[in-house]
Amino acid sequence: MGDDAHPNDGPDLEAGRLLFAQQCRFHAGVADETQIPHLGLPEVAFAGRSNVGKSSLINALTGHRTLARISNTPGRTQQINFFDLGARLALVDLPGYGFARASKSSIRQWTGLVQRYLRGRRELARVCLLIDARHGIKDSDREVMQILDVAAVSYQVVLTKIDKVAAGARAGVVTAVSEEASRRPAAYPRVACTSALKKEGIAELRAGLAALAAAVPNG
C-alpha cells in the first residue's frame, strides 16, 4: 500500500471487511527453514515480543477466536505458523522474541529461523511489528527493526492493547513511537493503533492489508 492510501476511506474498509470475511485456514507450522511452504500468495508476517498480543490480533482480524493459539506463557509459540486467507493473502505468525523462560540454544534456534525467513522471502509483502502500547519500543524491538532495515523488508509498527492506555496519554505514545519509526529506512510511515479486545483499529488494519493483497492478481 502506497503512502497516499487512506485505509479510513469507505471503499478501503469494505475491501478489508470482504477479504477478512473469507475462510482463513491453518496451512502449516514449521520449525525448520527447509519446511517453509510457498503458497504462491503475498505474505504478511506478524512479529513482536512474547505476550504482545500477536495471536489475539490475528484472531481479531480474521474473526476467529481460536485460529491462532493464545497463551499467557511467553515463548509458547516456537514455530512459524502459516495461514491461508481466502487464497488471496497468507498470514504468518512468527515466534515471539524477548522472552526469558527458554534455553539460550532454543532462543538462538528460533531467532535464526525467523531471521532467515525475513531475509530470503520474496513473497513477504510486509511485516506488522507489534508493540505493546503500554510499554513502547524496547531494545529487543529495535534489534528486530535493525534486522528488517538491513534486509530492506517493509514493516509497519502496530500498537497493541491501545485500550489499556489512558485516553489523555495516547497521543503522546503514538507520537513517540511514530517519531522513532520515522527514522527507520524500512518502516512504513503510518503507525497503526489497535485493541483486539475492543476491536479498535481492526477495520483500518484490515483495509491496509487488503490493499497489499489487491496489488497481486489472483491466480
Protein backbone atom coordinates (compact mmCIF):
# COMPACT_ATOMS: atom_id res chain seq x y z
CA MET A 1 0.00 0.00 0.00
CA GLY A 2 1.50 3.30 -1.02
CA ASP A 3 1.90 6.30 1.26
CA ASP A 4 -1.08 8.01 -0.41
CA ALA A 5 -3.53 5.29 0.54
CA HIS A 6 -6.09 6.12 3.20
CA PRO A 7 -7.43 2.97 4.85
CA ASN A 8 -10.11 5.06 6.57
CA ASP A 9 -11.94 5.52 3.25
CA GLY A 10 -15.21 3.62 2.92
CA PRO A 11 -14.20 1.52 -0.11
CA ASP A 12 -10.94 0.53 1.57
CA LEU A 13 -12.72 -0.50 4.76
CA GLU A 14 -15.20 -2.56 2.76
CA ALA A 15 -12.38 -4.25 0.82
CA GLY A 16 -10.77 -5.14 4.12
CA ARG A 17 -14.02 -6.48 5.53
CA LEU A 18 -14.64 -8.63 2.46
CA LEU A 19 -11.12 -10.06 2.43
CA PHE A 20 -11.12 -11.00 6.09
CA ALA A 21 -14.61 -12.46 5.80
CA GLN A 22 -13.07 -15.16 3.63
CA GLN A 23 -12.23 -18.55 5.08
CA CYS A 24 -8.91 -18.49 6.91
CA ARG A 25 -7.34 -21.87 7.47
CA PHE A 26 -4.18 -23.07 9.12
CA HIS A 27 -1.75 -24.26 6.44
CA ALA A 28 1.46 -25.29 8.20
CA GLY A 29 3.63 -24.83 11.25
CA VAL A 30 7.36 -25.13 10.70
CA ALA A 31 10.38 -25.20 12.97
CA ASP A 32 12.96 -25.66 10.22
CA GLU A 33 13.60 -23.42 7.22
CA THR A 34 13.53 -26.41 4.85
CA GLN A 35 9.85 -26.88 5.75
CA ILE A 36 8.77 -23.32 4.93
CA PRO A 37 5.94 -23.57 2.38
CA HIS A 38 5.38 -21.47 -0.73
CA LEU A 39 1.69 -20.74 -1.04
CA GLY A 40 2.04 -18.51 -4.10
CA LEU A 41 0.40 -15.65 -2.20
CA PRO A 42 1.60 -12.30 -0.88
CA GLU A 43 2.51 -12.71 2.78
CA VAL A 44 2.03 -10.50 5.81
CA ALA A 45 4.05 -11.58 8.83
CA PHE A 46 3.26 -10.67 12.42
CA ALA A 47 6.25 -10.16 14.71
CA GLY A 48 6.56 -8.92 18.26
CA ARG A 49 7.72 -9.54 21.78
CA SER A 50 6.29 -12.52 23.58
CA ASN A 51 2.86 -11.75 25.01
CA VAL A 52 2.48 -8.61 22.89
CA GLY A 53 -0.84 -9.95 21.60
CA LYS A 54 0.02 -11.43 18.19
CA SER A 55 -2.39 -14.33 18.44
CA SER A 56 -5.17 -12.10 19.77
CA LEU A 57 -4.68 -9.65 16.90
CA ILE A 58 -4.69 -12.37 14.24
CA ASN A 59 -7.85 -13.83 15.76
CA ALA A 60 -9.49 -10.38 15.82
CA LEU A 61 -8.56 -9.68 12.21
CA THR A 62 -9.94 -12.99 10.96
CA GLY A 63 -12.93 -13.14 13.28
CA HIS A 64 -11.81 -16.50 14.70
CA ARG A 65 -11.47 -16.90 18.43
CA THR A 66 -9.02 -19.78 18.31
CA LEU A 67 -7.35 -19.61 14.88
CA ALA A 68 -4.06 -18.59 16.46
CA ARG A 69 -3.40 -20.02 19.90
CA ILE A 70 -3.35 -17.58 22.78
CA SER A 71 -1.06 -18.22 25.71
CA ASN A 72 -0.08 -16.33 28.84
CA THR A 73 3.26 -18.11 28.78
CA PRO A 74 5.93 -16.07 26.96
CA GLY A 75 7.68 -18.02 24.23
CA ARG A 76 4.84 -20.52 23.81
CA THR A 77 4.79 -20.13 20.01
CA GLN A 78 8.01 -21.84 18.97
CA GLN A 79 7.42 -22.21 15.25
CA ILE A 80 6.37 -20.15 12.23
CA ASN A 81 2.68 -20.68 11.54
CA PHE A 82 1.18 -20.06 8.09
CA PHE A 83 -2.49 -19.29 7.45
CA ASP A 84 -4.23 -19.07 4.07
CA LEU A 85 -6.80 -16.27 3.90
CA GLY A 86 -9.20 -16.98 1.06
CA ALA A 87 -6.37 -17.89 -1.34
CA ARG A 88 -5.62 -14.15 -1.50
CA LEU A 89 -3.22 -13.50 1.35
CA ALA A 90 -1.01 -15.56 3.64
CA LEU A 91 -0.81 -14.57 7.29
CA VAL A 92 2.40 -15.63 9.02
CA ASP A 93 2.62 -15.81 12.81
CA LEU A 94 6.27 -15.54 13.84
CA PRO A 95 7.62 -16.78 17.18
CA GLY A 96 7.69 -14.11 19.84
CA TYR A 97 11.02 -12.66 20.92
CA GLY A 98 12.36 -11.09 24.09
CA PHE A 99 11.27 -13.88 26.41
CA ALA A 100 13.45 -15.20 29.22
CA ARG A 101 11.94 -18.61 30.04
CA ALA A 102 13.71 -20.58 27.33
CA SER A 103 17.15 -22.05 26.91
CA LYS A 104 19.74 -19.98 25.10
CA SER A 105 20.10 -22.67 22.46
CA SER A 106 16.34 -22.62 21.80
CA ILE A 107 16.35 -18.83 21.54
CA ARG A 108 19.22 -18.96 19.05
CA GLN A 109 17.42 -21.60 17.01
CA TRP A 110 14.13 -19.68 16.83
CA THR A 111 15.88 -16.36 16.19
CA GLY A 112 17.94 -17.86 13.39
CA LEU A 113 14.87 -19.39 11.77
CA VAL A 114 13.00 -16.10 11.80
CA GLN A 115 15.96 -14.11 10.52
CA ARG A 116 16.47 -16.49 7.60
CA TYR A 117 12.77 -16.30 6.76
CA LEU A 118 12.75 -12.49 6.83
CA ARG A 119 15.87 -12.10 4.73
CA GLY A 120 15.03 -14.51 1.96
CA ARG A 121 11.28 -14.35 1.43
CA ARG A 122 10.21 -12.94 -1.92
CA GLU A 123 6.53 -13.39 -1.09
CA LEU A 124 6.80 -11.22 2.01
CA ALA A 125 4.87 -8.01 1.33
CA ARG A 126 5.07 -6.54 4.82
CA VAL A 127 5.84 -7.28 8.43
CA CYS A 128 3.45 -5.99 11.08
CA LEU A 129 5.75 -5.27 14.02
CA LEU A 130 3.59 -5.35 17.12
CA ILE A 131 4.47 -3.08 20.03
CA ASP A 132 2.62 -3.05 23.35
CA ALA A 133 1.21 0.49 23.60
CA ARG A 134 1.72 0.46 27.37
CA HIS A 135 5.47 -0.06 27.10
CA GLY A 136 6.54 1.48 23.79
CA ILE A 137 9.53 0.37 21.75
CA LYS A 138 12.06 -1.68 23.70
CA ASP A 139 15.63 -2.68 22.86
CA SER A 140 14.56 -6.13 21.65
CA ASP A 141 12.14 -4.41 19.25
CA ARG A 142 14.95 -2.19 18.00
CA GLU A 143 17.05 -5.26 17.27
CA VAL A 144 14.29 -6.64 15.06
CA MET A 145 13.82 -3.24 13.40
CA GLN A 146 17.52 -3.22 12.60
CA ILE A 147 17.27 -6.68 11.04
CA LEU A 148 14.34 -5.53 8.90
CA ASP A 149 16.09 -2.31 7.91
CA VAL A 150 19.23 -4.15 6.82
CA ALA A 151 17.18 -6.71 4.90
CA ALA A 152 15.09 -3.91 3.33
CA VAL A 153 11.87 -5.61 4.45
CA SER A 154 8.95 -3.20 4.67
CA TYR A 155 7.32 -3.16 8.10
CA GLN A 156 4.58 -1.27 9.89
CA VAL A 157 4.56 -0.65 13.61
CA VAL A 158 1.24 -1.80 15.08
CA LEU A 159 0.49 -0.71 18.62
CA THR A 160 -1.48 -3.35 20.52
CA LYS A 161 -3.59 -3.05 23.67
CA ILE A 162 -4.22 0.64 22.99
CA ASP A 163 -7.35 0.35 25.15
CA LYS A 164 -5.06 -0.12 28.15
CA VAL A 165 -3.61 3.38 27.66
CA ALA A 166 -5.50 6.32 29.16
CA ALA A 167 -7.17 8.46 26.51
CA GLY A 168 -5.15 11.51 27.54
CA ALA A 169 -1.85 9.67 27.13
CA ARG A 170 -2.48 8.03 23.77
CA ALA A 171 -1.35 10.94 21.62
CA GLY A 172 1.99 11.08 23.39
CA VAL A 173 2.53 7.34 22.98
CA VAL A 174 1.71 7.43 19.27
CA THR A 175 3.90 10.47 18.70
CA ALA A 176 6.91 8.94 20.43
CA VAL A 177 6.61 5.66 18.54
CA SER A 178 5.95 7.42 15.22
CA GLU A 179 8.98 9.66 15.61
CA GLU A 180 11.28 6.73 16.27
CA ALA A 181 9.81 4.68 13.43
CA SER A 182 10.20 7.62 11.04
CA ARG A 183 13.97 7.41 11.46
CA ARG A 184 13.99 3.81 10.23
CA PRO A 185 14.55 3.34 6.48
CA ALA A 186 12.26 0.31 6.04
CA ALA A 187 9.46 1.38 8.39
CA TYR A 188 6.06 2.25 6.93
CA PRO A 189 5.30 5.87 7.90
CA ARG A 190 1.89 5.29 9.49
CA VAL A 191 1.65 3.66 12.94
CA ALA A 192 -1.49 1.58 13.49
CA CYS A 193 -3.27 1.62 16.85
CA THR A 194 -5.26 -1.48 17.74
CA SER A 195 -7.10 -3.27 20.51
CA ALA A 196 -8.04 -6.88 19.86
CA LEU A 197 -10.33 -6.78 22.89
CA LYS A 198 -12.23 -3.63 21.97
CA LYS A 199 -11.81 -4.11 18.18
CA GLU A 200 -10.25 -0.65 17.88
CA GLY A 201 -8.29 -0.13 14.67
CA ILE A 202 -9.08 -3.62 13.38
CA ALA A 203 -11.12 -2.45 10.37
CA GLU A 204 -8.42 0.03 9.40
CA LEU A 205 -5.65 -2.56 9.64
CA ARG A 206 -7.73 -4.99 7.58
CA ALA A 207 -8.08 -2.30 4.91
CA GLY A 208 -4.35 -1.73 4.77
CA LEU A 209 -3.59 -5.43 4.43
CA ALA A 210 -6.30 -5.86 1.81
CA ALA A 211 -4.51 -3.28 -0.32
CA LEU A 212 -1.42 -5.48 -0.28
CA ALA A 213 -3.45 -8.48 -1.41
CA ALA A 214 -5.11 -6.44 -4.15
CA ALA A 215 -1.73 -5.46 -5.56
CA VAL A 216 -1.15 -9.08 -6.62
CA PRO A 217 -3.53 -10.51 -9.27
CA ASN A 218 -5.43 -13.59 -8.13
CA GLY A 219 -4.13 -16.70 -9.84
